[in-house]
Amino acid sequence: MRLFTLFIGTNRTDAKAVVINIVGGRFESFTLLAAEGCFRGETEPAWLIKLATDDVGKVIETAARIREALGQDGVGIEYSGRYYRCTATDPASALSRTVKTEST
């Protein structure tokens, strides 16, 4: 299995419940870590989600759902030491290509 980490930074007080609901509905197990991030010079609470799966599409779809639900510009996805960003205009297409290339 591959290991992915989602990075979600937000000041929303209900973010943890939203994230658990979305991720828990899509994955049987995951690890949720509380953190503090910095975005555009401002610190904010952050959540890191560790996911072990071979389904990269499901990871990207989950990041997109979290981004939409929390009204974020993007959600970060780390895979194999590289950082990808899931936004409305680019849902981590480079990550999809990377994993596809590894599989061939």
N, C-alpha and C. Protein backbone atom coordinates (compact mmCIF):
# COMPACT_ATOMS: atom_id res chain seq x y z
N MET A 1 0.83 -1.19 0.00
CA MET A 1 0.00 0.00 0.00
C MET A 1 0.87 1.25 0.00
N ARG A 2 0.32 2.29 -0.54
CA ARG A 2 0.99 3.59 -0.56
C ARG A 2 0.52 4.41 0.65
N LEU A 3 1.38 5.33 1.11
CA LEU A 3 1.01 6.19 2.23
C LEU A 3 0.88 7.62 1.74
N PHE A 4 -0.27 8.22 2.02
CA PHE A 4 -0.56 9.60 1.65
C PHE A 4 -0.82 10.40 2.91
N THR A 5 -0.52 11.69 2.87
CA THR A 5 -0.87 12.60 3.96
C THR A 5 -1.62 13.77 3.35
N LEU A 6 -2.79 14.07 3.90
CA LEU A 6 -3.56 15.25 3.51
C LEU A 6 -3.25 16.36 4.50
N PHE A 7 -3.11 17.59 4.00
CA PHE A 7 -2.85 18.76 4.83
C PHE A 7 -4.02 19.72 4.71
N ILE A 8 -4.70 19.97 5.84
CA ILE A 8 -5.87 20.84 5.85
C ILE A 8 -5.65 21.92 6.89
N GLY A 9 -5.59 23.16 6.49
CA GLY A 9 -5.46 24.27 7.41
C GLY A 9 -6.73 25.11 7.38
N THR A 10 -7.28 25.37 8.55
CA THR A 10 -8.52 26.15 8.61
C THR A 10 -8.75 26.67 10.02
N ASN A 11 -9.42 27.81 10.10
CA ASN A 11 -9.82 28.35 11.40
C ASN A 11 -11.22 27.91 11.80
N ARG A 12 -11.88 27.14 10.96
CA ARG A 12 -13.24 26.71 11.29
C ARG A 12 -13.25 25.82 12.51
N THR A 13 -14.11 26.14 13.45
CA THR A 13 -14.16 25.39 14.70
C THR A 13 -14.73 23.98 14.52
N ASP A 14 -15.49 23.76 13.46
CA ASP A 14 -16.07 22.44 13.22
C ASP A 14 -15.25 21.58 12.26
N ALA A 15 -14.04 22.03 11.94
CA ALA A 15 -13.22 21.36 10.92
C ALA A 15 -12.95 19.89 11.26
N LYS A 16 -12.61 19.62 12.50
CA LYS A 16 -12.29 18.24 12.88
C LYS A 16 -13.47 17.32 12.60
N ALA A 17 -14.65 17.71 13.01
CA ALA A 17 -15.84 16.88 12.78
C ALA A 17 -16.12 16.71 11.29
N VAL A 18 -15.96 17.78 10.52
CA VAL A 18 -16.18 17.71 9.07
C VAL A 18 -15.20 16.73 8.44
N VAL A 19 -13.92 16.86 8.80
CA VAL A 19 -12.89 15.99 8.23
C VAL A 19 -13.13 14.53 8.61
N ILE A 20 -13.42 14.27 9.86
CA ILE A 20 -13.68 12.89 10.30
C ILE A 20 -14.87 12.31 9.56
N ASN A 21 -15.91 13.09 9.39
CA ASN A 21 -17.10 12.61 8.68
C ASN A 21 -16.78 12.26 7.23
N ILE A 22 -16.06 13.11 6.54
CA ILE A 22 -15.74 12.87 5.13
C ILE A 22 -14.78 11.69 4.98
N VAL A 23 -13.68 11.72 5.72
CA VAL A 23 -12.67 10.66 5.58
C VAL A 23 -13.21 9.33 6.10
N GLY A 24 -13.90 9.37 7.23
CA GLY A 24 -14.45 8.14 7.81
C GLY A 24 -15.50 7.48 6.93
N GLY A 25 -16.18 8.26 6.11
CA GLY A 25 -17.16 7.69 5.20
C GLY A 25 -16.53 7.07 3.96
N ARG A 26 -15.23 7.31 3.76
CA ARG A 26 -14.56 6.83 2.54
C ARG A 26 -13.45 5.80 2.83
N PHE A 27 -12.91 5.83 4.04
CA PHE A 27 -11.81 4.92 4.38
C PHE A 27 -12.13 4.20 5.69
N GLU A 28 -11.75 2.94 5.75
CA GLU A 28 -11.99 2.11 6.93
C GLU A 28 -11.17 2.57 8.12
N SER A 29 -9.95 3.05 7.85
CA SER A 29 -9.09 3.51 8.94
C SER A 29 -8.19 4.63 8.42
N PHE A 30 -7.78 5.49 9.35
CA PHE A 30 -6.89 6.60 9.04
C PHE A 30 -6.38 7.17 10.35
N THR A 31 -5.36 8.00 10.26
CA THR A 31 -4.83 8.68 11.44
C THR A 31 -5.04 10.18 11.25
N LEU A 32 -5.56 10.82 12.28
CA LEU A 32 -5.81 12.26 12.27
C LEU A 32 -4.86 12.91 13.27
N LEU A 33 -4.06 13.85 12.81
CA LEU A 33 -3.11 14.55 13.67
C LEU A 33 -3.42 16.03 13.70
N ALA A 34 -3.46 16.61 14.89
CA ALA A 34 -3.65 18.05 15.03
C ALA A 34 -2.29 18.73 14.88
N ALA A 35 -2.29 19.86 14.21
CA ALA A 35 -1.05 20.60 13.98
C ALA A 35 -1.34 22.09 13.95
N GLU A 36 -0.31 22.87 13.73
CA GLU A 36 -0.47 24.30 13.52
C GLU A 36 0.26 24.64 12.24
N GLY A 37 -0.41 25.35 11.34
CA GLY A 37 0.19 25.70 10.06
C GLY A 37 0.32 27.20 9.93
N CYS A 38 0.96 27.61 8.87
CA CYS A 38 1.11 29.02 8.56
C CYS A 38 0.76 29.21 7.08
N PHE A 39 -0.18 30.09 6.80
CA PHE A 39 -0.62 30.35 5.43
C PHE A 39 -0.67 31.85 5.21
N ARG A 40 0.09 32.31 4.24
CA ARG A 40 0.15 33.74 3.91
C ARG A 40 0.49 34.59 5.14
N GLY A 41 1.43 34.09 5.93
CA GLY A 41 1.91 34.84 7.08
C GLY A 41 1.07 34.72 8.34
N GLU A 42 -0.03 34.00 8.27
CA GLU A 42 -0.91 33.85 9.43
C GLU A 42 -0.91 32.39 9.90
N THR A 43 -0.79 32.19 11.21
CA THR A 43 -0.89 30.82 11.73
C THR A 43 -2.36 30.43 11.85
N GLU A 44 -2.58 29.14 11.72
CA GLU A 44 -3.94 28.61 11.83
C GLU A 44 -3.88 27.15 12.25
N PRO A 45 -4.94 26.66 12.89
CA PRO A 45 -4.99 25.23 13.19
C PRO A 45 -4.93 24.43 11.89
N ALA A 46 -4.35 23.25 11.97
CA ALA A 46 -4.26 22.39 10.81
C ALA A 46 -4.51 20.95 11.22
N TRP A 47 -4.93 20.16 10.25
CA TRP A 47 -5.17 18.73 10.45
C TRP A 47 -4.39 17.97 9.40
N LEU A 48 -3.70 16.93 9.82
CA LEU A 48 -2.99 16.04 8.91
C LEU A 48 -3.69 14.69 8.96
N ILE A 49 -3.99 14.15 7.81
CA ILE A 49 -4.66 12.86 7.71
C ILE A 49 -3.70 11.89 7.04
N LYS A 50 -3.38 10.79 7.69
CA LYS A 50 -2.53 9.74 7.13
C LYS A 50 -3.44 8.63 6.61
N LEU A 51 -3.24 8.29 5.32
CA LEU A 51 -4.06 7.27 4.67
C LEU A 51 -3.15 6.24 4.00
N ALA A 52 -3.39 4.97 4.26
CA ALA A 52 -2.67 3.89 3.60
C ALA A 52 -3.64 3.23 2.62
N THR A 53 -3.35 3.39 1.32
CA THR A 53 -4.23 2.86 0.28
C THR A 53 -3.49 2.84 -1.05
N ASP A 54 -3.97 2.06 -1.98
CA ASP A 54 -3.45 2.09 -3.34
C ASP A 54 -4.39 2.85 -4.27
N ASP A 55 -5.48 3.36 -3.74
CA ASP A 55 -6.49 4.04 -4.55
C ASP A 55 -6.25 5.56 -4.54
N VAL A 56 -5.35 6.02 -5.42
CA VAL A 56 -5.00 7.44 -5.47
C VAL A 56 -6.21 8.29 -5.86
N GLY A 57 -7.07 7.76 -6.70
CA GLY A 57 -8.27 8.51 -7.09
C GLY A 57 -9.15 8.81 -5.90
N LYS A 58 -9.28 7.85 -5.01
CA LYS A 58 -10.09 8.03 -3.80
C LYS A 58 -9.47 9.08 -2.88
N VAL A 59 -8.15 9.11 -2.82
CA VAL A 59 -7.45 10.10 -2.00
C VAL A 59 -7.71 11.50 -2.56
N ILE A 60 -7.57 11.65 -3.87
CA ILE A 60 -7.78 12.95 -4.50
C ILE A 60 -9.24 13.39 -4.37
N GLU A 61 -10.17 12.48 -4.56
CA GLU A 61 -11.60 12.81 -4.39
C GLU A 61 -11.89 13.23 -2.95
N THR A 62 -11.26 12.57 -2.00
CA THR A 62 -11.45 12.92 -0.59
C THR A 62 -10.90 14.32 -0.31
N ALA A 63 -9.72 14.62 -0.83
CA ALA A 63 -9.14 15.96 -0.66
C ALA A 63 -10.05 17.02 -1.27
N ALA A 64 -10.62 16.72 -2.44
CA ALA A 64 -11.53 17.67 -3.10
C ALA A 64 -12.79 17.89 -2.27
N ARG A 65 -13.34 16.83 -1.70
CA ARG A 65 -14.54 16.97 -0.86
C ARG A 65 -14.26 17.79 0.38
N ILE A 66 -13.11 17.56 1.00
CA ILE A 66 -12.73 18.34 2.18
C ILE A 66 -12.55 19.81 1.80
N ARG A 67 -11.87 20.06 0.69
CA ARG A 67 -11.66 21.44 0.22
C ARG A 67 -12.99 22.15 0.02
N GLU A 68 -13.92 21.48 -0.63
CA GLU A 68 -15.24 22.07 -0.88
C GLU A 68 -16.01 22.29 0.43
N ALA A 69 -16.02 21.28 1.30
CA ALA A 69 -16.80 21.36 2.54
C ALA A 69 -16.30 22.47 3.47
N LEU A 70 -14.98 22.70 3.47
CA LEU A 70 -14.41 23.71 4.36
C LEU A 70 -14.20 25.05 3.66
N GLY A 71 -14.51 25.13 2.38
CA GLY A 71 -14.35 26.38 1.65
C GLY A 71 -12.90 26.80 1.50
N GLN A 72 -12.02 25.84 1.30
CA GLN A 72 -10.58 26.12 1.19
C GLN A 72 -10.16 26.35 -0.25
N ASP A 73 -9.08 27.10 -0.45
CA ASP A 73 -8.48 27.26 -1.77
C ASP A 73 -7.91 25.93 -2.25
N GLY A 74 -7.34 25.19 -1.32
CA GLY A 74 -6.73 23.92 -1.69
C GLY A 74 -6.48 23.06 -0.47
N VAL A 75 -6.26 21.78 -0.73
CA VAL A 75 -5.85 20.82 0.29
C VAL A 75 -4.57 20.19 -0.23
N GLY A 76 -3.56 20.12 0.63
CA GLY A 76 -2.29 19.53 0.24
C GLY A 76 -2.32 18.02 0.36
N ILE A 77 -1.58 17.37 -0.54
CA ILE A 77 -1.43 15.92 -0.49
C ILE A 77 0.05 15.61 -0.61
N GLU A 78 0.58 14.90 0.36
CA GLU A 78 1.97 14.45 0.28
C GLU A 78 1.98 12.99 -0.11
N TYR A 79 2.84 12.67 -1.05
CA TYR A 79 3.02 11.28 -1.45
C TYR A 79 4.49 11.08 -1.81
N SER A 80 5.11 10.11 -1.21
CA SER A 80 6.49 9.74 -1.52
C SER A 80 7.44 10.94 -1.44
N GLY A 81 7.24 11.77 -0.41
CA GLY A 81 8.13 12.90 -0.18
C GLY A 81 7.88 14.12 -1.06
N ARG A 82 6.82 14.10 -1.87
CA ARG A 82 6.49 15.24 -2.73
C ARG A 82 5.14 15.80 -2.33
N TYR A 83 4.99 17.11 -2.52
CA TYR A 83 3.76 17.82 -2.14
C TYR A 83 2.98 18.17 -3.40
N TYR A 84 1.69 17.85 -3.37
CA TYR A 84 0.77 18.16 -4.45
C TYR A 84 -0.38 18.96 -3.87
N ARG A 85 -1.00 19.77 -4.68
CA ARG A 85 -2.10 20.61 -4.20
C ARG A 85 -3.37 20.27 -4.97
N CYS A 86 -4.44 20.04 -4.24
CA CYS A 86 -5.74 19.76 -4.82
C CYS A 86 -6.57 21.04 -4.74
N THR A 87 -6.80 21.67 -5.91
CA THR A 87 -7.58 22.90 -5.97
C THR A 87 -8.78 22.69 -6.89
N ALA A 88 -9.64 23.68 -6.98
CA ALA A 88 -10.81 23.58 -7.86
C ALA A 88 -10.39 23.48 -9.32
N THR A 89 -9.32 24.16 -9.69
CA THR A 89 -8.89 24.16 -11.09
C THR A 89 -7.89 23.06 -11.42
N ASP A 90 -7.23 22.49 -10.41
CA ASP A 90 -6.29 21.40 -10.63
C ASP A 90 -6.37 20.41 -9.47
N PRO A 91 -7.18 19.37 -9.63
CA PRO A 91 -7.32 18.39 -8.55
C PRO A 91 -6.14 17.41 -8.48
N ALA A 92 -4.94 17.96 -8.23
CA ALA A 92 -3.73 17.15 -8.05
C ALA A 92 -3.45 16.25 -9.24
N SER A 93 -3.57 16.79 -10.45
CA SER A 93 -3.37 15.99 -11.66
C SER A 93 -1.94 15.44 -11.74
N ALA A 94 -0.95 16.18 -11.24
CA ALA A 94 0.43 15.68 -11.25
C ALA A 94 0.57 14.44 -10.39
N LEU A 95 -0.16 14.36 -9.29
CA LEU A 95 -0.14 13.17 -8.44
C LEU A 95 -0.71 11.97 -9.19
N SER A 96 -1.82 12.17 -9.87
CA SER A 96 -2.41 11.08 -10.66
C SER A 96 -1.42 10.55 -11.69
N ARG A 97 -0.74 11.46 -12.37
CA ARG A 97 0.24 11.06 -13.39
C ARG A 97 1.42 10.32 -12.74
N THR A 98 1.87 10.78 -11.60
CA THR A 98 2.99 10.15 -10.91
C THR A 98 2.66 8.71 -10.54
N VAL A 99 1.52 8.49 -9.93
CA VAL A 99 1.13 7.15 -9.50
C VAL A 99 0.88 6.25 -10.71
N LYS A 100 0.29 6.80 -11.76
CA LYS A 100 0.04 6.03 -12.98
C LYS A 100 1.36 5.57 -13.59
N THR A 101 2.36 6.47 -13.62
CA THR A 101 3.67 6.13 -14.16
C THR A 101 4.34 5.03 -13.35
N GLU A 102 4.20 5.08 -12.03
CA GLU A 102 4.78 4.05 -11.15
C GLU A 102 4.16 2.68 -11.41
N SER A 103 2.89 2.68 -11.77
CA SER A 103 2.15 1.42 -11.93
C SER A 103 2.44 0.74 -13.26
N THR A 104 3.03 1.47 -14.20
CA THR A 104 3.29 0.86 -15.51
C THR A 104 4.68 0.32 -15.63
